[in-house]
Amino acid sequence: MSNDIDAIFKQQPAAAQQTAQSRKAAAGQGTADAGQAAGGGDTVQLTDSARVLHELERAVADAPVVDATRVGELAQAVASGEYQVDAERVAEKILQLDREFGTPG
């Protein structure tokens, strides 16, 4: 079940709407905000960091979890015996991770 909030505001007598506006004005929201709420048009302003966070969330949600093309290339290289492990590079990356996250000890 849903309620049409705009219809509720329209059905209120003018005196009730003025009382609600007076309460909002007294609460520090000002008459412009109270009049806007009575018209049913609430607004929200986001900070720049909130906008950036929202864009990042959207980008992450749209990004594939796995790069299927790269996985296919690697699987083919392993199957054909062409894939070569660079042990020195692997060791460097492990040490880098250890430096970044540290080892509990």
N, C-alpha and C. Protein backbone atom coordinates (compact mmCIF):
# COMPACT_ATOMS: atom_id res chain seq x y z
N MET A 1 0.85 -1.17 0.00
CA MET A 1 0.00 0.00 0.00
C MET A 1 0.89 1.23 0.00
N SER A 2 0.56 2.21 -0.86
CA SER A 2 1.35 3.43 -0.90
C SER A 2 0.45 4.64 -0.69
N ASN A 3 1.03 5.68 -0.18
CA ASN A 3 0.30 6.92 0.07
C ASN A 3 0.88 8.01 -0.80
N ASP A 4 0.01 8.80 -1.40
CA ASP A 4 0.44 9.93 -2.21
C ASP A 4 0.64 11.12 -1.29
N ILE A 5 1.87 11.43 -0.97
CA ILE A 5 2.18 12.50 -0.02
C ILE A 5 1.75 13.85 -0.57
N ASP A 6 1.94 14.08 -1.87
CA ASP A 6 1.53 15.35 -2.45
C ASP A 6 0.03 15.56 -2.27
N ALA A 7 -0.76 14.50 -2.44
CA ALA A 7 -2.20 14.61 -2.29
C ALA A 7 -2.57 14.98 -0.85
N ILE A 8 -1.83 14.47 0.11
CA ILE A 8 -2.09 14.78 1.51
C ILE A 8 -1.91 16.28 1.76
N PHE A 9 -0.83 16.86 1.20
CA PHE A 9 -0.59 18.29 1.39
C PHE A 9 -1.70 19.11 0.72
N LYS A 10 -2.15 18.68 -0.43
CA LYS A 10 -3.17 19.42 -1.16
C LYS A 10 -4.51 19.37 -0.44
N GLN A 11 -4.78 18.31 0.29
CA GLN A 11 -6.06 18.14 0.97
C GLN A 11 -6.12 18.89 2.29
N GLN A 12 -4.98 19.28 2.84
CA GLN A 12 -4.97 19.97 4.13
C GLN A 12 -5.57 21.37 3.97
N PRO A 13 -6.34 21.80 4.95
CA PRO A 13 -6.84 23.17 4.91
C PRO A 13 -5.67 24.16 4.96
N ALA A 14 -5.90 25.34 4.46
CA ALA A 14 -4.86 26.36 4.39
C ALA A 14 -4.29 26.66 5.78
N ALA A 15 -5.14 26.66 6.79
CA ALA A 15 -4.68 26.96 8.15
C ALA A 15 -3.69 25.91 8.64
N ALA A 16 -3.94 24.65 8.30
CA ALA A 16 -3.03 23.58 8.71
C ALA A 16 -1.69 23.71 7.99
N GLN A 17 -1.74 24.09 6.72
CA GLN A 17 -0.49 24.26 5.97
C GLN A 17 0.31 25.43 6.55
N GLN A 18 -0.38 26.52 6.92
CA GLN A 18 0.31 27.66 7.49
C GLN A 18 0.93 27.31 8.84
N THR A 19 0.23 26.49 9.63
CA THR A 19 0.76 26.07 10.92
C THR A 19 2.03 25.24 10.72
N ALA A 20 2.01 24.31 9.77
CA ALA A 20 3.18 23.49 9.48
C ALA A 20 4.34 24.37 9.01
N GLN A 21 4.04 25.36 8.18
CA GLN A 21 5.08 26.27 7.71
C GLN A 21 5.65 27.08 8.87
N SER A 22 4.80 27.51 9.77
CA SER A 22 5.25 28.28 10.93
C SER A 22 6.18 27.46 11.80
N ARG A 23 5.83 26.17 12.01
CA ARG A 23 6.68 25.29 12.83
C ARG A 23 8.04 25.10 12.18
N LYS A 24 8.06 24.91 10.88
CA LYS A 24 9.34 24.72 10.18
C LYS A 24 10.17 25.99 10.23
N ALA A 25 9.54 27.13 10.06
CA ALA A 25 10.26 28.40 10.12
C ALA A 25 10.84 28.61 11.51
N ALA A 26 10.06 28.25 12.54
CA ALA A 26 10.54 28.40 13.91
C ALA A 26 11.67 27.44 14.21
N ALA A 27 11.70 26.31 13.52
CA ALA A 27 12.75 25.31 13.74
C ALA A 27 14.03 25.70 13.02
N GLY A 28 14.02 26.84 12.31
CA GLY A 28 15.25 27.31 11.67
C GLY A 28 15.37 26.92 10.22
N GLN A 29 14.33 26.40 9.64
CA GLN A 29 14.41 26.01 8.23
C GLN A 29 14.06 27.15 7.31
N GLY A 30 13.48 28.19 7.80
CA GLY A 30 13.18 29.35 6.99
C GLY A 30 11.91 29.17 6.19
N THR A 31 11.38 30.30 5.71
CA THR A 31 10.10 30.24 4.99
C THR A 31 10.25 29.67 3.60
N ALA A 32 11.38 29.82 2.97
CA ALA A 32 11.56 29.28 1.61
C ALA A 32 11.51 27.76 1.64
N ASP A 33 12.18 27.14 2.62
CA ASP A 33 12.16 25.68 2.72
C ASP A 33 10.76 25.18 3.06
N ALA A 34 10.07 25.90 3.96
CA ALA A 34 8.74 25.47 4.37
C ALA A 34 7.78 25.55 3.21
N GLY A 35 7.87 26.60 2.41
CA GLY A 35 7.00 26.72 1.25
C GLY A 35 7.31 25.66 0.21
N GLN A 36 8.57 25.32 0.07
CA GLN A 36 8.96 24.29 -0.88
C GLN A 36 8.45 22.93 -0.45
N ALA A 37 8.51 22.63 0.86
CA ALA A 37 8.02 21.35 1.35
C ALA A 37 6.50 21.27 1.18
N ALA A 38 5.82 22.38 1.38
CA ALA A 38 4.37 22.37 1.23
C ALA A 38 4.00 22.10 -0.22
N GLY A 39 4.85 22.49 -1.15
CA GLY A 39 4.60 22.23 -2.56
C GLY A 39 5.02 20.83 -2.96
N GLY A 40 5.62 20.08 -2.07
CA GLY A 40 6.00 18.70 -2.36
C GLY A 40 7.36 18.56 -3.02
N GLY A 41 8.18 19.59 -3.05
CA GLY A 41 9.46 19.50 -3.75
C GLY A 41 10.64 19.57 -2.81
N ASP A 42 10.92 18.52 -2.09
CA ASP A 42 12.09 18.48 -1.21
C ASP A 42 13.34 18.40 -2.06
N THR A 43 14.43 18.97 -1.57
CA THR A 43 15.69 18.93 -2.28
C THR A 43 16.79 18.41 -1.36
N VAL A 44 17.82 17.85 -1.98
CA VAL A 44 18.98 17.37 -1.25
C VAL A 44 20.21 17.88 -1.99
N GLN A 45 21.17 18.41 -1.24
CA GLN A 45 22.41 18.86 -1.84
C GLN A 45 23.54 17.96 -1.37
N LEU A 46 24.30 17.44 -2.31
CA LEU A 46 25.41 16.55 -1.98
C LEU A 46 26.72 17.32 -2.02
N THR A 47 27.64 16.95 -1.16
CA THR A 47 28.97 17.55 -1.20
C THR A 47 29.73 16.98 -2.39
N ASP A 48 30.83 17.62 -2.74
CA ASP A 48 31.64 17.13 -3.85
C ASP A 48 32.16 15.73 -3.58
N SER A 49 32.58 15.47 -2.34
CA SER A 49 33.10 14.14 -2.02
C SER A 49 32.00 13.09 -2.12
N ALA A 50 30.77 13.44 -1.77
CA ALA A 50 29.66 12.50 -1.91
C ALA A 50 29.39 12.19 -3.38
N ARG A 51 29.50 13.21 -4.22
CA ARG A 51 29.31 13.00 -5.67
C ARG A 51 30.40 12.08 -6.21
N VAL A 52 31.64 12.33 -5.81
CA VAL A 52 32.75 11.49 -6.28
C VAL A 52 32.56 10.06 -5.81
N LEU A 53 32.16 9.88 -4.56
CA LEU A 53 31.92 8.55 -4.02
C LEU A 53 30.82 7.84 -4.80
N HIS A 54 29.76 8.56 -5.12
CA HIS A 54 28.66 7.98 -5.90
C HIS A 54 29.15 7.55 -7.28
N GLU A 55 29.96 8.38 -7.93
CA GLU A 55 30.50 8.04 -9.25
C GLU A 55 31.40 6.80 -9.16
N LEU A 56 32.21 6.73 -8.11
CA LEU A 56 33.08 5.56 -7.93
C LEU A 56 32.26 4.30 -7.69
N GLU A 57 31.22 4.40 -6.88
CA GLU A 57 30.35 3.24 -6.64
C GLU A 57 29.73 2.76 -7.93
N ARG A 58 29.30 3.70 -8.75
CA ARG A 58 28.69 3.34 -10.04
C ARG A 58 29.72 2.68 -10.95
N ALA A 59 30.95 3.23 -10.98
CA ALA A 59 31.99 2.66 -11.84
C ALA A 59 32.36 1.25 -11.40
N VAL A 60 32.45 1.03 -10.09
CA VAL A 60 32.78 -0.29 -9.57
C VAL A 60 31.66 -1.28 -9.89
N ALA A 61 30.43 -0.83 -9.75
CA ALA A 61 29.29 -1.71 -10.03
C ALA A 61 29.24 -2.09 -11.50
N ASP A 62 29.67 -1.18 -12.39
CA ASP A 62 29.64 -1.44 -13.82
C ASP A 62 30.85 -2.23 -14.31
N ALA A 63 31.92 -2.26 -13.52
CA ALA A 63 33.15 -2.93 -13.94
C ALA A 63 33.00 -4.45 -13.83
N PRO A 64 33.54 -5.16 -14.81
CA PRO A 64 33.47 -6.62 -14.71
C PRO A 64 34.34 -7.11 -13.55
N VAL A 65 33.90 -8.17 -12.90
CA VAL A 65 34.64 -8.71 -11.78
C VAL A 65 35.93 -9.37 -12.28
N VAL A 66 35.86 -10.00 -13.43
CA VAL A 66 37.00 -10.70 -14.00
C VAL A 66 37.17 -10.25 -15.45
N ASP A 67 38.42 -10.01 -15.84
CA ASP A 67 38.72 -9.67 -17.23
C ASP A 67 38.76 -10.98 -18.03
N ALA A 68 37.64 -11.33 -18.62
CA ALA A 68 37.49 -12.61 -19.30
C ALA A 68 38.49 -12.75 -20.45
N THR A 69 38.79 -11.69 -21.13
CA THR A 69 39.75 -11.74 -22.24
C THR A 69 41.13 -12.12 -21.73
N ARG A 70 41.55 -11.48 -20.66
CA ARG A 70 42.88 -11.76 -20.10
C ARG A 70 42.95 -13.19 -19.57
N VAL A 71 41.89 -13.64 -18.90
CA VAL A 71 41.86 -15.01 -18.39
C VAL A 71 41.97 -16.00 -19.54
N GLY A 72 41.28 -15.74 -20.63
CA GLY A 72 41.35 -16.62 -21.79
C GLY A 72 42.75 -16.67 -22.38
N GLU A 73 43.39 -15.51 -22.47
CA GLU A 73 44.76 -15.46 -22.99
C GLU A 73 45.72 -16.26 -22.11
N LEU A 74 45.60 -16.08 -20.79
CA LEU A 74 46.47 -16.80 -19.86
C LEU A 74 46.21 -18.30 -19.90
N ALA A 75 44.94 -18.69 -19.97
CA ALA A 75 44.61 -20.12 -20.03
C ALA A 75 45.20 -20.75 -21.28
N GLN A 76 45.14 -20.04 -22.38
CA GLN A 76 45.69 -20.56 -23.63
C GLN A 76 47.22 -20.66 -23.53
N ALA A 77 47.86 -19.67 -22.94
CA ALA A 77 49.32 -19.69 -22.80
C ALA A 77 49.76 -20.82 -21.88
N VAL A 78 49.02 -21.08 -20.80
CA VAL A 78 49.35 -22.18 -19.89
C VAL A 78 49.16 -23.51 -20.61
N ALA A 79 48.07 -23.65 -21.33
CA ALA A 79 47.77 -24.91 -22.02
C ALA A 79 48.81 -25.22 -23.09
N SER A 80 49.32 -24.19 -23.75
CA SER A 80 50.31 -24.41 -24.81
C SER A 80 51.74 -24.48 -24.29
N GLY A 81 51.92 -24.20 -22.98
CA GLY A 81 53.26 -24.25 -22.40
C GLY A 81 54.06 -22.98 -22.64
N GLU A 82 53.43 -21.94 -23.15
CA GLU A 82 54.11 -20.69 -23.44
C GLU A 82 54.19 -19.75 -22.22
N TYR A 83 53.41 -20.02 -21.20
CA TYR A 83 53.38 -19.14 -20.05
C TYR A 83 54.64 -19.33 -19.22
N GLN A 84 55.35 -18.24 -18.98
CA GLN A 84 56.59 -18.29 -18.20
C GLN A 84 56.41 -17.46 -16.92
N VAL A 85 56.73 -18.05 -15.80
CA VAL A 85 56.64 -17.35 -14.52
C VAL A 85 57.95 -16.62 -14.28
N ASP A 86 57.87 -15.33 -13.99
CA ASP A 86 59.05 -14.53 -13.66
C ASP A 86 59.17 -14.55 -12.13
N ALA A 87 59.95 -15.51 -11.61
CA ALA A 87 60.07 -15.72 -10.17
C ALA A 87 60.56 -14.47 -9.45
N GLU A 88 61.47 -13.73 -10.06
CA GLU A 88 62.00 -12.52 -9.42
C GLU A 88 60.90 -11.46 -9.27
N ARG A 89 60.08 -11.32 -10.31
CA ARG A 89 58.97 -10.35 -10.24
C ARG A 89 57.96 -10.76 -9.17
N VAL A 90 57.65 -12.05 -9.10
CA VAL A 90 56.71 -12.54 -8.09
C VAL A 90 57.26 -12.26 -6.69
N ALA A 91 58.55 -12.52 -6.48
CA ALA A 91 59.17 -12.28 -5.18
C ALA A 91 59.14 -10.79 -4.82
N GLU A 92 59.40 -9.93 -5.80
CA GLU A 92 59.37 -8.48 -5.56
C GLU A 92 57.97 -8.04 -5.14
N LYS A 93 56.95 -8.56 -5.81
CA LYS A 93 55.57 -8.19 -5.47
C LYS A 93 55.19 -8.68 -4.07
N ILE A 94 55.62 -9.86 -3.70
CA ILE A 94 55.34 -10.39 -2.36
C ILE A 94 56.00 -9.51 -1.31
N LEU A 95 57.25 -9.11 -1.55
CA LEU A 95 57.95 -8.23 -0.60
C LEU A 95 57.27 -6.86 -0.51
N GLN A 96 56.82 -6.36 -1.66
CA GLN A 96 56.13 -5.07 -1.69
C GLN A 96 54.84 -5.15 -0.85
N LEU A 97 54.07 -6.20 -1.01
CA LEU A 97 52.86 -6.38 -0.22
C LEU A 97 53.18 -6.48 1.27
N ASP A 98 54.26 -7.19 1.58
CA ASP A 98 54.66 -7.35 2.97
C ASP A 98 55.02 -5.99 3.59
N ARG A 99 55.70 -5.15 2.81
CA ARG A 99 56.08 -3.81 3.30
C ARG A 99 54.83 -2.94 3.48
N GLU A 100 53.88 -3.05 2.55
CA GLU A 100 52.69 -2.21 2.61
C GLU A 100 51.77 -2.59 3.76
N PHE A 101 51.56 -3.89 3.95
CA PHE A 101 50.62 -4.35 4.96
C PHE A 101 51.29 -4.79 6.25
N GLY A 102 52.58 -5.05 6.19
CA GLY A 102 53.32 -5.49 7.36
C GLY A 102 52.90 -6.87 7.82
N THR A 103 53.80 -7.53 8.47
CA THR A 103 53.50 -8.85 9.01
C THR A 103 53.35 -8.73 10.51
N PRO A 104 52.24 -9.25 11.04
CA PRO A 104 52.09 -9.21 12.49
C PRO A 104 53.17 -10.05 13.16
N GLY A 105 53.72 -9.55 14.19
CA GLY A 105 54.77 -10.34 14.79
C GLY A 105 55.14 -9.92 16.10
